Amino acid sequence: MKAYGLRGTIQKVRTANGPAQHLACAICGIIMAGMFADHVNGYLVLAWGGLSIVVVLATVWMPRFILKYVLLADFFLSTIVLFQYLMKPEVVSTEPVYHIMASDGMRQAMRPTHEMSMSMVDQYAHAAALIWLALWSLYLANLVQRQILEHKRCMNDH
């Protein structure tokens, strides 16, 4: 009996089957899409977050082979986001400069900025999180493929 739908998914999550990981990966994807909103192309971020929502829908209501392809698409899109993030040129801040008269003559001064820029640790952490999410979705797609093959094997044995 196929356990599609919300009730079947809740049962699988309670028994710690694969759907718990699929849902956790999708939620992480939605959160991470928000983390990268200002770092990569906005349409790419929307597509990536939207695909994470599709992972949730596929986990709950769609057959396994569709879930596998959605997870592979999530891996592919996560990789594209990673490469776009890594290839992005450094943004040079162009703060307004003004001149002030000091006791030793005219000098340039910059307005103080209160904007928080990303440190090198932040940048590496963002990249590492993206790599982790991409590998996680690839692992889950492989897990779903193994489950499909195991189900076929069991059906042929009976």
N, C-alpha and C. Protein backbone atom coordinates (compact mmCIF):
# COMPACT_ATOMS: atom_id res chain seq x y z
N MET A 1 0.84 -1.19 0.00
CA MET A 1 0.00 0.00 0.00
C MET A 1 0.89 1.24 0.00
N LYS A 2 0.61 2.14 -0.91
CA LYS A 2 1.37 3.38 -0.99
C LYS A 2 0.82 4.36 0.03
N ALA A 3 1.73 4.98 0.76
CA ALA A 3 1.32 5.91 1.82
C ALA A 3 1.58 7.34 1.39
N TYR A 4 0.82 7.79 0.39
CA TYR A 4 0.93 9.18 -0.04
C TYR A 4 0.08 10.05 0.87
N GLY A 5 0.21 11.33 0.73
CA GLY A 5 -0.62 12.24 1.47
C GLY A 5 -0.01 12.62 2.80
N LEU A 6 -0.70 13.50 3.47
CA LEU A 6 -0.21 14.05 4.73
C LEU A 6 -0.14 12.99 5.82
N ARG A 7 -1.15 12.17 5.93
CA ARG A 7 -1.18 11.14 6.98
C ARG A 7 -0.04 10.14 6.79
N GLY A 8 0.18 9.68 5.56
CA GLY A 8 1.27 8.74 5.29
C GLY A 8 2.63 9.35 5.56
N THR A 9 2.79 10.63 5.20
CA THR A 9 4.06 11.31 5.44
C THR A 9 4.32 11.49 6.93
N ILE A 10 3.30 11.86 7.69
CA ILE A 10 3.46 12.03 9.14
C ILE A 10 3.85 10.69 9.77
N GLN A 11 3.24 9.60 9.31
CA GLN A 11 3.58 8.28 9.83
C GLN A 11 5.04 7.95 9.52
N LYS A 12 5.50 8.25 8.31
CA LYS A 12 6.89 7.98 7.93
C LYS A 12 7.86 8.84 8.73
N VAL A 13 7.51 10.09 8.96
CA VAL A 13 8.37 10.97 9.75
C VAL A 13 8.46 10.46 11.18
N ARG A 14 7.34 10.02 11.75
CA ARG A 14 7.33 9.50 13.12
C ARG A 14 8.16 8.23 13.25
N THR A 15 8.22 7.43 12.20
CA THR A 15 9.01 6.20 12.24
C THR A 15 10.42 6.41 11.68
N ALA A 16 10.82 7.65 11.46
CA ALA A 16 12.17 8.03 11.04
C ALA A 16 12.56 7.44 9.69
N ASN A 17 11.63 7.36 8.77
CA ASN A 17 11.95 6.95 7.41
C ASN A 17 12.53 8.13 6.64
N GLY A 18 12.86 7.93 5.39
CA GLY A 18 13.45 8.95 4.55
C GLY A 18 12.72 10.28 4.48
N PRO A 19 11.38 10.31 4.50
CA PRO A 19 10.68 11.59 4.36
C PRO A 19 11.08 12.63 5.41
N ALA A 20 11.48 12.21 6.60
CA ALA A 20 11.93 13.18 7.60
C ALA A 20 13.15 13.94 7.09
N GLN A 21 14.07 13.21 6.46
CA GLN A 21 15.25 13.86 5.90
C GLN A 21 14.90 14.73 4.70
N HIS A 22 13.98 14.27 3.87
CA HIS A 22 13.57 15.06 2.70
C HIS A 22 12.97 16.40 3.13
N LEU A 23 12.11 16.34 4.15
CA LEU A 23 11.49 17.57 4.64
C LEU A 23 12.51 18.48 5.30
N ALA A 24 13.44 17.91 6.07
CA ALA A 24 14.48 18.72 6.71
C ALA A 24 15.37 19.38 5.67
N CYS A 25 15.72 18.64 4.63
CA CYS A 25 16.54 19.20 3.55
C CYS A 25 15.80 20.34 2.85
N ALA A 26 14.52 20.14 2.62
CA ALA A 26 13.72 21.18 1.95
C ALA A 26 13.63 22.44 2.81
N ILE A 27 13.41 22.28 4.10
CA ILE A 27 13.33 23.44 5.00
C ILE A 27 14.66 24.17 5.04
N CYS A 28 15.75 23.41 5.10
CA CYS A 28 17.08 24.05 5.05
C CYS A 28 17.27 24.80 3.73
N GLY A 29 16.79 24.23 2.64
CA GLY A 29 16.90 24.90 1.34
C GLY A 29 16.13 26.22 1.30
N ILE A 30 14.95 26.23 1.90
CA ILE A 30 14.16 27.47 1.94
C ILE A 30 14.88 28.52 2.78
N ILE A 31 15.40 28.12 3.93
CA ILE A 31 16.12 29.06 4.79
C ILE A 31 17.38 29.57 4.10
N MET A 32 18.12 28.67 3.47
CA MET A 32 19.36 29.08 2.81
C MET A 32 19.10 29.97 1.61
N ALA A 33 17.99 29.76 0.93
CA ALA A 33 17.66 30.65 -0.18
C ALA A 33 17.53 32.08 0.32
N GLY A 34 16.94 32.24 1.49
CA GLY A 34 16.85 33.57 2.09
C GLY A 34 18.21 34.12 2.47
N MET A 35 19.13 33.25 2.91
CA MET A 35 20.47 33.70 3.28
C MET A 35 21.25 34.23 2.09
N PHE A 36 20.95 33.74 0.90
CA PHE A 36 21.70 34.12 -0.29
C PHE A 36 20.98 35.18 -1.13
N ALA A 37 19.90 35.74 -0.60
CA ALA A 37 19.09 36.69 -1.37
C ALA A 37 19.90 37.89 -1.87
N ASP A 38 20.82 38.38 -1.10
CA ASP A 38 21.60 39.55 -1.51
C ASP A 38 22.94 39.18 -2.13
N HIS A 39 23.20 37.89 -2.29
CA HIS A 39 24.52 37.47 -2.76
C HIS A 39 24.52 36.91 -4.17
N VAL A 40 23.38 36.45 -4.66
CA VAL A 40 23.29 35.92 -6.03
C VAL A 40 22.05 36.50 -6.69
N ASN A 41 21.87 36.17 -7.95
CA ASN A 41 20.75 36.66 -8.74
C ASN A 41 19.42 36.36 -8.04
N GLY A 42 18.56 37.37 -7.96
CA GLY A 42 17.28 37.24 -7.25
C GLY A 42 16.36 36.18 -7.84
N TYR A 43 16.33 36.06 -9.17
CA TYR A 43 15.47 35.06 -9.80
C TYR A 43 15.98 33.65 -9.49
N LEU A 44 17.29 33.52 -9.41
CA LEU A 44 17.87 32.23 -9.06
C LEU A 44 17.51 31.84 -7.63
N VAL A 45 17.53 32.81 -6.73
CA VAL A 45 17.15 32.57 -5.34
C VAL A 45 15.68 32.17 -5.26
N LEU A 46 14.82 32.84 -6.01
CA LEU A 46 13.39 32.48 -6.02
C LEU A 46 13.17 31.07 -6.57
N ALA A 47 13.88 30.74 -7.64
CA ALA A 47 13.76 29.39 -8.22
C ALA A 47 14.24 28.34 -7.22
N TRP A 48 15.34 28.64 -6.55
CA TRP A 48 15.91 27.71 -5.58
C TRP A 48 14.97 27.50 -4.38
N GLY A 49 14.44 28.58 -3.84
CA GLY A 49 13.48 28.48 -2.74
C GLY A 49 12.21 27.78 -3.18
N GLY A 50 11.75 28.09 -4.40
CA GLY A 50 10.55 27.44 -4.94
C GLY A 50 10.75 25.95 -5.12
N LEU A 51 11.94 25.57 -5.58
CA LEU A 51 12.23 24.15 -5.76
C LEU A 51 12.25 23.42 -4.42
N SER A 52 12.70 24.10 -3.38
CA SER A 52 12.67 23.49 -2.05
C SER A 52 11.22 23.26 -1.60
N ILE A 53 10.34 24.15 -1.97
CA ILE A 53 8.91 23.93 -1.67
C ILE A 53 8.38 22.74 -2.47
N VAL A 54 8.84 22.59 -3.71
CA VAL A 54 8.43 21.45 -4.53
C VAL A 54 8.94 20.14 -3.91
N VAL A 55 10.12 20.16 -3.27
CA VAL A 55 10.61 18.97 -2.57
C VAL A 55 9.61 18.56 -1.48
N VAL A 56 9.09 19.53 -0.75
CA VAL A 56 8.08 19.23 0.27
C VAL A 56 6.85 18.60 -0.37
N LEU A 57 6.37 19.22 -1.44
CA LEU A 57 5.17 18.70 -2.13
C LEU A 57 5.41 17.29 -2.67
N ALA A 58 6.59 17.07 -3.27
CA ALA A 58 6.91 15.76 -3.83
C ALA A 58 7.05 14.71 -2.72
N THR A 59 7.57 15.11 -1.58
CA THR A 59 7.71 14.18 -0.45
C THR A 59 6.35 13.73 0.04
N VAL A 60 5.42 14.64 0.09
CA VAL A 60 4.10 14.34 0.66
C VAL A 60 3.17 13.68 -0.35
N TRP A 61 3.11 14.19 -1.57
CA TRP A 61 2.04 13.76 -2.47
C TRP A 61 2.46 13.10 -3.77
N MET A 62 3.73 12.97 -4.05
CA MET A 62 4.12 12.45 -5.37
C MET A 62 4.86 11.13 -5.24
N PRO A 63 4.86 10.35 -6.34
CA PRO A 63 5.59 9.07 -6.31
C PRO A 63 7.10 9.28 -6.16
N ARG A 64 7.77 8.25 -5.74
CA ARG A 64 9.20 8.31 -5.43
C ARG A 64 10.05 8.75 -6.64
N PHE A 65 9.74 8.27 -7.84
CA PHE A 65 10.59 8.62 -8.97
C PHE A 65 10.55 10.12 -9.26
N ILE A 66 9.43 10.77 -9.00
CA ILE A 66 9.35 12.23 -9.17
C ILE A 66 10.17 12.91 -8.09
N LEU A 67 10.07 12.42 -6.85
CA LEU A 67 10.87 12.97 -5.76
C LEU A 67 12.36 12.89 -6.08
N LYS A 68 12.78 11.76 -6.64
CA LYS A 68 14.19 11.58 -6.99
C LYS A 68 14.64 12.67 -7.96
N TYR A 69 13.84 12.93 -8.99
CA TYR A 69 14.23 13.94 -9.98
C TYR A 69 14.16 15.36 -9.41
N VAL A 70 13.23 15.60 -8.51
CA VAL A 70 13.16 16.92 -7.86
C VAL A 70 14.40 17.13 -6.99
N LEU A 71 14.83 16.09 -6.27
CA LEU A 71 16.04 16.19 -5.45
C LEU A 71 17.29 16.39 -6.32
N LEU A 72 17.33 15.73 -7.47
CA LEU A 72 18.46 15.94 -8.39
C LEU A 72 18.45 17.37 -8.94
N ALA A 73 17.26 17.90 -9.22
CA ALA A 73 17.16 19.29 -9.67
C ALA A 73 17.60 20.24 -8.56
N ASP A 74 17.27 19.91 -7.32
CA ASP A 74 17.70 20.72 -6.18
C ASP A 74 19.22 20.70 -6.05
N PHE A 75 19.83 19.54 -6.25
CA PHE A 75 21.29 19.44 -6.24
C PHE A 75 21.88 20.34 -7.33
N PHE A 76 21.33 20.24 -8.52
CA PHE A 76 21.82 21.03 -9.66
C PHE A 76 21.69 22.52 -9.38
N LEU A 77 20.55 22.96 -8.89
CA LEU A 77 20.33 24.38 -8.62
C LEU A 77 21.20 24.86 -7.46
N SER A 78 21.39 24.03 -6.44
CA SER A 78 22.28 24.40 -5.34
C SER A 78 23.71 24.60 -5.85
N THR A 79 24.12 23.75 -6.77
CA THR A 79 25.46 23.86 -7.35
C THR A 79 25.59 25.15 -8.17
N ILE A 80 24.56 25.50 -8.91
CA ILE A 80 24.59 26.75 -9.68
C ILE A 80 24.69 27.95 -8.73
N VAL A 81 23.91 27.93 -7.66
CA VAL A 81 23.98 29.02 -6.68
C VAL A 81 25.39 29.08 -6.08
N LEU A 82 25.96 27.93 -5.76
CA LEU A 82 27.31 27.89 -5.21
C LEU A 82 28.32 28.53 -6.16
N PHE A 83 28.27 28.13 -7.43
CA PHE A 83 29.24 28.69 -8.37
C PHE A 83 29.01 30.17 -8.61
N GLN A 84 27.76 30.61 -8.66
CA GLN A 84 27.51 32.04 -8.82
C GLN A 84 28.00 32.80 -7.60
N TYR A 85 27.83 32.23 -6.42
CA TYR A 85 28.30 32.87 -5.19
C TYR A 85 29.83 32.96 -5.17
N LEU A 86 30.48 31.87 -5.56
CA LEU A 86 31.95 31.86 -5.54
C LEU A 86 32.56 32.74 -6.63
N MET A 87 31.87 32.90 -7.73
CA MET A 87 32.41 33.68 -8.85
C MET A 87 32.05 35.16 -8.78
N LYS A 88 31.29 35.54 -7.81
CA LYS A 88 30.85 36.93 -7.70
C LYS A 88 32.06 37.82 -7.41
N PRO A 89 32.17 38.92 -8.13
CA PRO A 89 33.29 39.83 -7.86
C PRO A 89 33.11 40.53 -6.52
N GLU A 90 34.22 40.90 -5.93
CA GLU A 90 34.17 41.63 -4.67
C GLU A 90 33.50 42.98 -4.90
N VAL A 91 32.61 43.34 -4.05
CA VAL A 91 31.92 44.61 -4.16
C VAL A 91 32.73 45.66 -3.40
N VAL A 92 33.09 46.70 -4.10
CA VAL A 92 33.84 47.78 -3.47
C VAL A 92 32.85 48.84 -3.04
N SER A 93 32.91 49.19 -1.80
CA SER A 93 32.00 50.18 -1.26
C SER A 93 32.34 51.55 -1.80
N THR A 94 31.35 52.25 -2.29
CA THR A 94 31.56 53.61 -2.79
C THR A 94 30.82 54.56 -1.86
N GLU A 95 31.46 54.86 -0.78
CA GLU A 95 30.88 55.76 0.20
C GLU A 95 31.06 57.20 -0.25
N PRO A 96 30.10 58.04 0.06
CA PRO A 96 30.24 59.45 -0.31
C PRO A 96 31.42 60.09 0.45
N VAL A 97 32.23 60.79 -0.29
CA VAL A 97 33.38 61.48 0.30
C VAL A 97 33.05 62.97 0.34
N TYR A 98 33.42 63.60 1.39
CA TYR A 98 33.23 65.04 1.48
C TYR A 98 34.52 65.67 2.00
N HIS A 99 34.60 66.95 1.90
CA HIS A 99 35.82 67.66 2.30
C HIS A 99 35.55 68.49 3.55
N ILE A 100 36.53 68.49 4.43
CA ILE A 100 36.41 69.29 5.64
C ILE A 100 37.64 70.17 5.77
N MET A 101 37.46 71.31 6.39
CA MET A 101 38.57 72.22 6.62
C MET A 101 39.12 71.92 8.01
N ALA A 102 40.35 71.49 8.08
CA ALA A 102 40.99 71.19 9.34
C ALA A 102 42.08 72.24 9.59
N SER A 103 42.69 72.18 10.75
CA SER A 103 43.73 73.17 11.08
C SER A 103 44.92 73.06 10.14
N ASP A 104 45.14 71.88 9.57
CA ASP A 104 46.26 71.73 8.63
C ASP A 104 45.82 71.80 7.18
N GLY A 105 44.65 72.31 6.91
CA GLY A 105 44.18 72.50 5.54
C GLY A 105 42.97 71.63 5.22
N MET A 106 42.63 71.58 3.94
CA MET A 106 41.47 70.82 3.46
C MET A 106 41.80 69.32 3.42
N ARG A 107 40.86 68.49 3.91
CA ARG A 107 41.04 67.04 3.92
C ARG A 107 39.77 66.34 3.44
N GLN A 108 39.98 65.13 2.94
CA GLN A 108 38.83 64.31 2.56
C GLN A 108 38.38 63.51 3.78
N ALA A 109 37.10 63.32 3.89
CA ALA A 109 36.55 62.50 4.98
C ALA A 109 35.45 61.62 4.39
N MET A 110 35.28 60.46 4.98
CA MET A 110 34.21 59.55 4.53
C MET A 110 33.17 59.44 5.63
N ARG A 111 31.96 59.35 5.20
CA ARG A 111 30.88 59.18 6.17
C ARG A 111 31.01 57.79 6.81
N PRO A 112 30.78 57.71 8.09
CA PRO A 112 30.85 56.38 8.73
C PRO A 112 29.71 55.50 8.24
N THR A 113 30.01 54.25 8.04
CA THR A 113 28.97 53.30 7.60
C THR A 113 28.65 52.38 8.76
N HIS A 114 27.40 52.01 8.83
CA HIS A 114 26.95 51.11 9.88
C HIS A 114 26.53 49.77 9.30
N GLU A 115 26.91 49.57 8.06
CA GLU A 115 26.55 48.34 7.37
C GLU A 115 27.53 47.24 7.76
N MET A 116 27.00 46.06 7.97
CA MET A 116 27.86 44.93 8.33
C MET A 116 28.29 44.21 7.07
N SER A 117 29.56 44.11 6.85
CA SER A 117 30.03 43.36 5.70
C SER A 117 30.41 41.95 6.15
N MET A 118 30.45 41.05 5.20
CA MET A 118 30.76 39.67 5.52
C MET A 118 32.26 39.50 5.72
N SER A 119 32.63 38.81 6.78
CA SER A 119 34.03 38.49 7.01
C SER A 119 34.39 37.26 6.17
N MET A 120 35.66 36.92 6.16
CA MET A 120 36.12 35.74 5.43
C MET A 120 35.48 34.48 6.02
N VAL A 121 35.31 34.45 7.33
CA VAL A 121 34.66 33.30 7.98
C VAL A 121 33.21 33.18 7.51
N ASP A 122 32.50 34.31 7.42
CA ASP A 122 31.13 34.29 6.92
C ASP A 122 31.06 33.75 5.50
N GLN A 123 31.98 34.20 4.67
CA GLN A 123 31.98 33.76 3.27
C GLN A 123 32.24 32.26 3.17
N TYR A 124 33.22 31.75 3.92
CA TYR A 124 33.50 30.32 3.90
C TYR A 124 32.34 29.52 4.49
N ALA A 125 31.70 30.04 5.52
CA ALA A 125 30.57 29.35 6.12
C ALA A 125 29.40 29.26 5.13
N HIS A 126 29.14 30.34 4.40
CA HIS A 126 28.09 30.32 3.38
C HIS A 126 28.40 29.27 2.31
N ALA A 127 29.64 29.25 1.85
CA ALA A 127 30.03 28.29 0.82
C ALA A 127 29.93 26.86 1.35
N ALA A 128 30.40 26.64 2.58
CA ALA A 128 30.34 25.30 3.16
C ALA A 128 28.90 24.83 3.34
N ALA A 129 28.02 25.74 3.76
CA ALA A 129 26.61 25.39 3.91
C ALA A 129 26.00 24.99 2.57
N LEU A 130 26.35 25.71 1.53
CA LEU A 130 25.85 25.38 0.19
C LEU A 130 26.36 24.03 -0.29
N ILE A 131 27.63 23.77 -0.06
CA ILE A 131 28.20 22.48 -0.45
C ILE A 131 27.49 21.36 0.31
N TRP A 132 27.28 21.56 1.61
CA TRP A 132 26.60 20.55 2.43
C TRP A 132 25.19 20.29 1.90
N LEU A 133 24.44 21.35 1.60
CA LEU A 133 23.07 21.18 1.13
C LEU A 133 23.05 20.46 -0.21
N ALA A 134 23.97 20.81 -1.11
CA ALA A 134 24.02 20.15 -2.42
C ALA A 134 24.31 18.66 -2.26
N LEU A 135 25.29 18.34 -1.41
CA LEU A 135 25.62 16.92 -1.20
C LEU A 135 24.49 16.18 -0.51
N TRP A 136 23.80 16.86 0.39
CA TRP A 136 22.67 16.24 1.08
C TRP A 136 21.56 15.88 0.09
N SER A 137 21.22 16.78 -0.80
CA SER A 137 20.16 16.49 -1.78
C SER A 137 20.60 15.38 -2.74
N LEU A 138 21.90 15.34 -3.09
CA LEU A 138 22.40 14.26 -3.94
C LEU A 138 22.31 12.93 -3.21
N TYR A 139 22.69 12.91 -1.94
CA TYR A 139 22.58 11.70 -1.12
C TYR A 139 21.13 11.23 -1.04
N LEU A 140 20.20 12.18 -0.83
CA LEU A 140 18.79 11.80 -0.71
C LEU A 140 18.24 11.27 -2.02
N ALA A 141 18.67 11.84 -3.14
CA ALA A 141 18.23 11.32 -4.44
C ALA A 141 18.73 9.88 -4.63
N ASN A 142 19.96 9.61 -4.20
CA ASN A 142 20.50 8.26 -4.27
C ASN A 142 19.73 7.32 -3.33
N LEU A 143 19.38 7.80 -2.16
CA LEU A 143 18.60 7.01 -1.21
C LEU A 143 17.24 6.63 -1.80
N VAL A 144 16.59 7.59 -2.44
CA VAL A 144 15.29 7.32 -3.05
C VAL A 144 15.45 6.29 -4.18
N GLN A 145 16.51 6.41 -4.97
CA GLN A 145 16.76 5.43 -6.04
C GLN A 145 16.95 4.03 -5.47
N ARG A 146 17.69 3.92 -4.38
CA ARG A 146 17.88 2.61 -3.75
C ARG A 146 16.56 2.06 -3.21
N GLN A 147 15.71 2.94 -2.66
CA GLN A 147 14.41 2.50 -2.17
C GLN A 147 13.53 2.01 -3.32
N ILE A 148 13.58 2.70 -4.45
CA ILE A 148 12.81 2.29 -5.63
C ILE A 148 13.27 0.90 -6.08
N LEU A 149 14.58 0.71 -6.17
CA LEU A 149 15.11 -0.58 -6.60
C LEU A 149 14.78 -1.69 -5.61
N GLU A 150 14.85 -1.39 -4.32
CA GLU A 150 14.51 -2.38 -3.29
C GLU A 150 13.03 -2.75 -3.38
N HIS A 151 12.18 -1.78 -3.63
CA HIS A 151 10.74 -2.05 -3.77
C HIS A 151 10.50 -2.94 -4.99
N LYS A 152 11.18 -2.66 -6.10
CA LYS A 152 11.02 -3.50 -7.30
C LYS A 152 11.51 -4.91 -7.02
N ARG A 153 12.63 -5.04 -6.31
CA ARG A 153 13.16 -6.37 -6.00
C ARG A 153 12.19 -7.15 -5.12
N CYS A 154 11.62 -6.48 -4.15
CA CYS A 154 10.65 -7.15 -3.28
C CYS A 154 9.40 -7.58 -4.05
N MET A 155 8.98 -6.76 -4.99
CA MET A 155 7.80 -7.08 -5.78
C MET A 155 8.07 -8.27 -6.69
N ASN A 156 9.30 -8.39 -7.20
CA ASN A 156 9.65 -9.52 -8.08
C ASN A 156 9.84 -10.81 -7.29
N ASP A 157 10.25 -10.71 -6.02
CA ASP A 157 10.43 -11.91 -5.19
C ASP A 157 9.10 -12.53 -4.79
N HIS A 158 8.06 -11.75 -4.75
CA HIS A 158 6.76 -12.27 -4.31
C HIS A 158 5.96 -12.63 -5.49
